[in-house]
C-alpha atoms as a PDB file:
ATOM      1  CA  MET A   1    -117.710 -71.758 -16.911  1.00  0.00           C
ATOM      2  CA  ALA A   2    -115.915 -73.264 -19.894  1.00  0.00           C
ATOM      3  CA  TYR A   3    -117.427 -76.189 -21.722  1.00  0.00           C
ATOM      4  CA  ILE A   4    -115.779 -78.581 -24.119  1.00  0.00           C
ATOM      5  CA  ARG A   5    -116.875 -77.688 -27.644  1.00  0.00           C
ATOM      6  CA  CYS A   6    -118.136 -81.154 -28.465  1.00  0.00           C
ATOM      7  CA  MET A   7    -121.321 -81.955 -26.582  1.00  0.00           C
ATOM      8  CA  HIS A   8    -122.968 -85.340 -26.378  1.00  0.00           C
ATOM      9  CA  ARG A   9    -126.694 -85.798 -26.146  1.00  0.00           C
ATOM     10  CA  THR A  10    -127.623 -87.697 -22.997  1.00  0.00           C
ATOM     11  CA  GLN A  11    -131.064 -88.843 -22.015  1.00  0.00           C
ATOM     12  CA  ILE A  12    -132.036 -89.401 -18.377  1.00  0.00           C
ATOM     13  CA  TYR A  13    -135.223 -90.084 -16.454  1.00  0.00           C
ATOM     14  CA  LEU A  14    -136.122 -87.706 -13.629  1.00  0.00           C
ATOM     15  CA  PRO A  15    -138.839 -87.979 -11.012  1.00  0.00           C
ATOM     16  CA  SER A  16    -141.622 -85.431 -11.591  1.00  0.00           C
ATOM     17  CA  GLU A  17    -140.755 -83.471  -8.451  1.00  0.00           C
ATOM     18  CA  LEU A  18    -137.114 -83.101  -9.477  1.00  0.00           C
ATOM     19  CA  ARG A  19    -138.094 -82.001 -12.985  1.00  0.00           C
ATOM     20  CA  GLN A  20    -140.458 -79.393 -11.529  1.00  0.00           C
ATOM     21  CA  GLU A  21    -137.683 -78.022  -9.291  1.00  0.00           C
ATOM     22  CA  LEU A  22    -135.346 -77.912 -12.276  1.00  0.00           C
ATOM     23  CA  ASP A  23    -137.903 -75.982 -14.334  1.00  0.00           C
ATOM     24  CA  ILE A  24    -138.390 -73.473 -11.504  1.00  0.00           C
ATOM     25  CA  VAL A  25    -134.636 -72.862 -11.227  1.00  0.00           C
ATOM     26  CA  ALA A  26    -134.292 -72.472 -14.996  1.00  0.00           C
ATOM     27  CA  LYS A  27    -137.123 -69.920 -15.134  1.00  0.00           C
ATOM     28  CA  LYS A  28    -135.829 -68.033 -12.089  1.00  0.00           C
ATOM     29  CA  GLU A  29    -132.310 -67.811 -13.551  1.00  0.00           C
ATOM     30  CA  LYS A  30    -133.654 -67.194 -17.090  1.00  0.00           C
ATOM     31  CA  LYS A  31    -131.509 -70.003 -18.484  1.00  0.00           C
ATOM     32  CA  PRO A  32    -132.279 -73.038 -20.630  1.00  0.00           C
ATOM     33  CA  THR A  33    -132.940 -76.176 -18.599  1.00  0.00           C
ATOM     34  CA  ALA A  34    -130.013 -77.949 -20.275  1.00  0.00           C
ATOM     35  CA  GLN A  35    -127.624 -75.207 -19.143  1.00  0.00           C
ATOM     36  CA  VAL A  36    -128.882 -75.451 -15.561  1.00  0.00           C
ATOM     37  CA  ILE A  37    -128.376 -79.220 -15.630  1.00  0.00           C
ATOM     38  CA  ARG A  38    -124.805 -78.839 -16.961  1.00  0.00           C
ATOM     39  CA  GLU A  39    -123.954 -76.251 -14.307  1.00  0.00           C
ATOM     40  CA  LEU A  40    -125.389 -78.367 -11.483  1.00  0.00           C
ATOM     41  CA  LEU A  41    -123.539 -81.451 -12.707  1.00  0.00           C
ATOM     42  CA  SER A  42    -120.265 -79.524 -12.934  1.00  0.00           C
ATOM     43  CA  GLU A  43    -120.668 -78.162  -9.400  1.00  0.00           C
ATOM     44  CA  GLY A  44    -121.587 -81.577  -8.036  1.00  0.00           C
ATOM     45  CA  LEU A  45    -118.688 -83.336  -9.720  1.00  0.00           C
ATOM     46  CA  ARG A  46    -116.209 -80.702  -8.554  1.00  0.00           C
ATOM     47  CA  SER A  47    -117.519 -81.066  -5.015  1.00  0.00           C
ATOM     48  CA  LYS A  48    -117.314 -84.857  -5.198  1.00  0.00           C
ATOM     49  CA  HIS A  49    -113.759 -84.734  -6.547  1.00  0.00           C
ATOM     50  CA  LYS A  50    -112.625 -82.385  -3.770  1.00  0.00           C
ATOM     51  CA  GLU A  51    -114.037 -84.746  -1.147  1.00  0.00           C
ATOM     52  CA  THR A  52    -112.317 -87.692  -2.781  1.00  0.00           C
ATOM     53  CA  VAL A  53    -108.934 -85.953  -2.899  1.00  0.00           C
ATOM     54  CA  GLY A  54    -109.341 -84.779   0.690  1.00  0.00           C
ATOM     55  CA  GLU A  55    -110.235 -88.264   1.885  1.00  0.00           C
ATOM     56  CA  ALA A  56    -107.260 -89.760   0.048  1.00  0.00           C
ATOM     57  CA  LEU A  57    -104.849 -87.216   1.520  1.00  0.00           C
ATOM     58  CA  SER A  58    -106.300 -87.764   4.982  1.00  0.00           C
ATOM     59  CA  LYS A  59    -105.827 -91.530   4.677  1.00  0.00           C
ATOM     60  CA  LEU A  60    -102.275 -90.996   3.488  1.00  0.00           C
ATOM     61  CA  ALA A  61    -101.510 -88.676   6.411  1.00  0.00           C
ATOM     62  CA  ASN A  62    -103.035 -91.107   8.911  1.00  0.00           C
ATOM     63  CA  LEU A  63    -100.733 -93.911   7.813  1.00  0.00           C
ATOM     64  CA  GLY A  64     -97.968 -92.372   9.907  1.00  0.00           C
ATOM     65  CA  VAL A  65     -95.347 -93.618   7.484  1.00  0.00           C
ATOM     66  CA  LYS A  66     -92.059 -91.781   7.537  1.00  0.00           C
ATOM     67  CA  GLY A  67     -90.024 -91.525   4.406  1.00  0.00           C
ATOM     68  CA  GLY A  68     -91.705 -93.035   1.397  1.00  0.00           C
ATOM     69  CA  PRO A  69     -90.955 -93.790  -2.203  1.00  0.00           C
ATOM     70  CA  PRO A  70     -88.330 -91.556  -3.787  1.00  0.00           C
ATOM     71  CA  ASP A  71     -90.650 -90.791  -6.725  1.00  0.00           C
ATOM     72  CA  LEU A  72     -93.637 -89.790  -4.566  1.00  0.00           C
ATOM     73  CA  SER A  73     -93.726 -86.173  -5.722  1.00  0.00           C
ATOM     74  CA  THR A  74     -93.812 -87.107  -9.400  1.00  0.00           C
ATOM     75  CA  ASN A  75     -96.175 -90.086  -9.063  1.00  0.00           C
ATOM     76  CA  ILE A  76     -98.536 -88.803  -6.348  1.00  0.00           C
ATOM     77  CA  ASP A  77    -101.681 -89.810  -8.312  1.00  0.00           C
ATOM     78  CA  LYS A  78    -100.392 -93.357  -8.666  1.00  0.00           C
ATOM     79  CA  TYR A  79     -99.866 -93.684  -4.922  1.00  0.00           C
ATOM     80  CA  LEU A  80    -103.134 -91.968  -3.975  1.00  0.00           C
ATOM     81  CA  TYR A  81    -105.513 -93.738  -6.316  1.00  0.00           C
ATOM     82  CA  GLU A  82    -104.009 -97.147  -7.075  1.00  0.00           C
END
């Protein structure tokens, strides 16, 4: 997994149970807790993004529109997300 070189310190509050689970995973995987958090966030965000793209494409397909704008292939993000 590639990370951007510049990292920003972020502080969050976690419920005790969640923090305990996080510590268990970090010890089991022999990784620093911060690395486990970064990996879990990356996985979660990738998963969320895939769902969002899939939902947008599904909505677009369900419109049943034939034809479309001539610049659709070059401006697909504009039409999907605006």
